[in-house]
Protein backbone atom coordinates (compact mmCIF):
# COMPACT_ATOMS: atom_id res chain seq x y z
CA MET A 1 -66.94 2.82 99.31
CA LYS A 2 -68.25 -0.22 97.52
CA ASP A 3 -71.15 1.78 96.03
CA PHE A 4 -68.89 4.04 93.95
CA PRO A 5 -68.74 5.02 91.18
CA GLN A 6 -72.47 5.24 90.56
CA GLN A 7 -74.79 6.92 88.08
CA THR A 8 -77.37 9.15 89.77
CA ALA A 9 -80.40 10.97 88.33
CA LEU A 10 -81.04 14.46 89.64
CA ARG A 11 -84.45 16.00 90.18
CA ASP A 12 -84.69 17.21 86.57
CA GLY A 13 -83.49 13.88 85.13
CA THR A 14 -79.90 14.97 84.54
CA THR A 15 -77.52 12.05 85.11
CA VAL A 16 -74.25 12.54 86.98
CA GLU A 17 -71.61 10.17 88.31
CA PHE A 18 -70.79 10.13 92.00
CA ARG A 19 -67.30 8.92 92.91
CA PRO A 20 -64.47 9.73 95.32
CA LEU A 21 -62.20 12.64 94.46
CA ALA A 22 -58.96 11.39 92.88
CA ARG A 23 -55.44 12.76 92.48
CA GLU A 24 -56.01 13.39 88.77
CA ASP A 25 -58.98 15.67 89.53
CA GLU A 26 -56.81 18.64 90.52
CA LYS A 27 -57.55 20.80 87.45
CA ALA A 28 -61.24 19.90 87.37
CA LEU A 29 -61.51 20.69 91.10
CA PHE A 30 -59.91 24.11 90.67
CA ARG A 31 -62.24 24.90 87.76
CA PHE A 32 -65.20 23.87 89.94
CA PHE A 33 -64.05 26.17 92.74
CA SER A 34 -63.61 28.98 90.21
CA ARG A 35 -67.25 28.69 89.12
CA LEU A 36 -68.52 29.24 92.66
CA PRO A 37 -69.65 32.86 93.18
CA GLU A 38 -66.97 35.01 94.78
CA LYS A 39 -69.28 35.97 97.67
CA GLU A 40 -69.69 32.25 98.48
CA ARG A 41 -65.98 31.46 98.28
CA LEU A 42 -65.47 34.22 100.82
CA TYR A 43 -67.19 32.12 103.51
CA LEU A 44 -65.45 28.80 102.85
CA ARG A 45 -62.90 27.47 105.32
CA GLU A 46 -60.03 27.78 102.84
CA ASP A 47 -59.09 30.06 99.97
CA VAL A 48 -60.27 27.83 97.12
CA ALA A 49 -59.43 30.57 94.58
CA ASP A 50 -55.79 29.62 95.21
CA PRO A 51 -54.84 26.74 92.85
CA ASP A 52 -52.59 25.34 95.57
CA THR A 53 -55.71 24.48 97.58
CA ALA A 54 -57.03 22.11 94.90
CA LYS A 55 -53.54 20.69 94.44
CA ARG A 56 -53.14 19.99 98.15
CA TRP A 57 -56.60 18.45 98.47
CA CYS A 58 -55.84 16.01 95.64
CA GLU A 59 -52.31 15.20 96.77
CA GLU A 60 -53.19 14.61 100.43
CA LEU A 61 -56.21 12.35 100.01
CA ASP A 62 -56.93 10.13 103.03
CA TYR A 63 -60.35 8.53 102.65
CA GLU A 64 -60.31 7.25 106.22
CA THR A 65 -60.41 10.74 107.75
CA VAL A 66 -61.91 12.79 104.89
CA LEU A 67 -63.99 11.18 102.14
CA PRO A 68 -64.68 13.71 99.35
CA ILE A 69 -67.30 12.67 96.79
CA VAL A 70 -67.61 14.54 93.49
CA ALA A 71 -70.54 14.73 91.10
CA MET A 72 -69.13 14.41 87.57
CA ARG A 73 -70.69 15.06 84.18
CA LYS A 74 -68.71 15.16 80.92
CA LYS A 75 -65.42 15.25 82.85
CA ARG A 76 -66.49 18.32 84.85
CA ILE A 77 -67.08 18.50 88.58
CA PHE A 78 -70.48 19.98 89.40
CA GLY A 79 -70.71 19.09 93.07
CA LEU A 80 -68.47 18.19 95.98
CA ALA A 81 -69.39 16.85 99.41
CA SER A 82 -67.10 15.46 102.08
CA LEU A 83 -67.43 13.30 105.18
CA HIS A 84 -65.01 14.21 107.97
CA ARG A 85 -64.14 12.08 111.00
CA PRO A 86 -61.38 12.37 113.61
CA ALA A 87 -58.50 9.94 113.19
CA ARG A 88 -58.39 9.40 116.96
CA GLY A 89 -59.76 10.70 120.23
CA TRP A 90 -63.08 10.87 122.02
CA SER A 91 -65.11 12.05 119.00
CA MET A 92 -64.38 9.15 116.67
CA HIS A 93 -68.11 8.31 116.65
CA VAL A 94 -68.95 11.77 115.26
CA GLY A 95 -68.77 12.78 111.60
CA GLY A 96 -69.20 16.11 109.83
CA ILE A 97 -70.47 16.72 106.30
CA ARG A 98 -69.76 19.72 104.04
CA ALA A 99 -70.98 20.37 100.50
CA ALA A 100 -70.82 22.80 97.59
CA VAL A 101 -72.66 22.72 94.25
CA ASP A 102 -72.05 24.49 90.95
CA PRO A 103 -74.63 27.29 90.49
CA SER A 104 -75.83 25.71 87.23
CA MET A 105 -76.81 22.51 89.07
CA ARG A 106 -78.67 23.96 92.03
CA ARG A 107 -82.34 23.29 92.84
CA LYS A 108 -81.94 19.80 91.38
CA SER A 109 -81.37 18.01 94.71
CA MET A 110 -77.70 17.35 93.97
CA ALA A 111 -76.54 18.46 97.42
CA SER A 112 -79.22 16.33 99.10
CA LEU A 113 -78.23 13.27 97.08
CA LEU A 114 -74.55 13.75 97.87
CA PHE A 115 -75.43 14.21 101.53
CA TRP A 116 -77.52 11.03 101.52
CA GLU A 117 -74.69 9.00 100.01
CA LEU A 118 -72.29 10.24 102.67
CA LEU A 119 -74.80 9.43 105.41
CA LYS A 120 -74.86 5.85 104.10
CA GLU A 121 -71.07 5.80 104.22
CA ALA A 122 -71.11 7.23 107.74
CA ILE A 123 -73.42 4.42 108.89
CA GLU A 124 -71.14 1.80 107.32
CA ARG A 125 -68.18 3.34 109.16
CA GLY A 126 -69.99 3.17 112.48
CA LEU A 127 -70.43 6.92 112.94
CA GLU A 128 -73.31 7.52 115.35
CA ILE A 129 -73.69 11.30 115.17
CA ILE A 130 -73.56 13.74 112.25
CA SER A 131 -72.60 17.34 112.85
CA ILE A 132 -73.28 20.30 110.56
CA GLU A 133 -71.59 23.68 110.99
CA LEU A 134 -73.18 26.77 109.40
CA ILE A 135 -72.33 30.45 109.50
CA ASP A 136 -74.99 33.15 109.82
CA LYS A 137 -75.03 33.71 106.04
CA HIS A 138 -76.45 30.18 105.71
CA ASP A 139 -79.26 30.37 108.27
CA PHE A 140 -81.76 29.19 105.65
CA LEU A 141 -79.93 25.85 105.56
CA ALA A 142 -80.35 25.46 109.32
CA GLN A 143 -84.13 25.35 108.79
CA PHE A 144 -83.70 22.63 106.15
CA PHE A 145 -81.60 20.48 108.48
CA GLU A 146 -83.98 21.03 111.37
CA GLY A 147 -86.67 19.58 109.12
CA LEU A 148 -84.53 16.44 108.96
CA GLY A 149 -84.43 16.20 112.75
CA PHE A 150 -81.18 18.08 113.40
CA ARG A 151 -80.96 20.02 116.65
CA ARG A 152 -79.17 23.30 117.27
CA GLU A 153 -76.52 22.45 119.84
CA ALA A 154 -74.69 25.77 119.94
CA GLU A 155 -74.58 29.27 118.45
CA MET A 156 -71.39 31.26 118.92
CA ASP A 157 -71.06 34.86 117.75
CA GLY A 158 -67.82 35.92 116.10
CA LEU A 159 -66.30 32.44 116.04
CA VAL A 160 -65.80 32.42 112.26
CA VAL A 161 -63.57 34.92 110.43
CA ASP A 162 -64.03 35.03 106.65
CA LEU A 163 -61.31 35.61 104.07
CA LYS A 164 -61.79 39.39 104.30
CA GLY A 165 -61.68 39.48 108.08
CA GLY A 166 -65.41 39.70 108.72
CA LYS A 167 -66.71 37.90 111.79
CA HIS A 168 -69.74 35.60 111.76
CA ARG A 169 -71.88 33.51 114.07
CA LEU A 170 -71.32 29.74 113.92
CA THR A 171 -74.26 27.39 114.42
CA ILE A 172 -73.66 23.71 115.18
CA LEU A 173 -76.44 21.20 114.51
CA THR A 174 -76.40 17.46 115.20
CA ASN A 175 -78.51 14.39 114.57
CA ASP A 176 -78.01 10.69 115.00
CA THR A 177 -76.83 9.28 111.71
CA ILE A 178 -79.55 6.71 111.08
CA THR A 179 -82.36 9.18 111.77
CA ALA A 180 -80.80 11.73 109.42
CA TRP A 181 -80.42 9.06 106.72
CA ARG A 182 -84.04 7.91 107.04
CA LYS A 183 -85.51 11.41 107.05
CA LEU A 184 -83.45 12.50 104.06
CA LYS A 185 -84.49 9.34 102.19
CA GLU A 186 -88.13 10.25 102.85
CA TYR A 187 -87.50 13.82 101.71
CA LEU A 188 -86.00 12.63 98.43
CA ARG A 189 -88.69 10.00 97.85
CA GLU A 190 -91.44 12.59 98.27
CA ARG A 191 -89.80 14.63 95.51
CA GLY A 192 -89.29 11.68 93.19
CA VAL A 193 -85.52 12.10 93.22
CA GLY A 194 -83.02 9.42 92.24
CA ALA A 195 -83.55 5.81 93.28
CA MET A 196 -85.70 7.01 96.22
CA GLY A 197 -88.35 8.17 93.78
CA GLN A 198 -88.73 4.84 92.02
């Protein structure tokens, strides 16, 4: 985590600070979750509308197993991405990445930049494979990741149950970490985003 905190320019020139989530971010994290559209919160793994979720996330930080990076501007969280790795077992070489962005900061490459930073961290930690899990409501993202070289490894109907009890298909995509990092760097450079566009 030697690269954090860092100032990052988004696609439209807006500057944000990327840094690890901290214990004192509890209120800012809950406000960020509250700004996500209700229909999107419905499909998240946890009920982020419950303030106890933000409290628990900030109180139980363990950067070795889950590294959450926030995008800050004027003391507000506008983006959150996290790198997940097993603490032990036969999948310790595999990492997963999840992300969410404030609606006001979308289409500015924030999620891609956060993802790229976590790919760098994954490489430094020796993770060889990156896994992405998407539900059927996010099929458009599967096409984006496939453009970065990710492969669909599995599609399982009804494996995900949302907060209202609806069932959804889960798609798992994987890529080797270095390839994903290189392809995403090229993607960002082509769009003149951040340091990759210089």
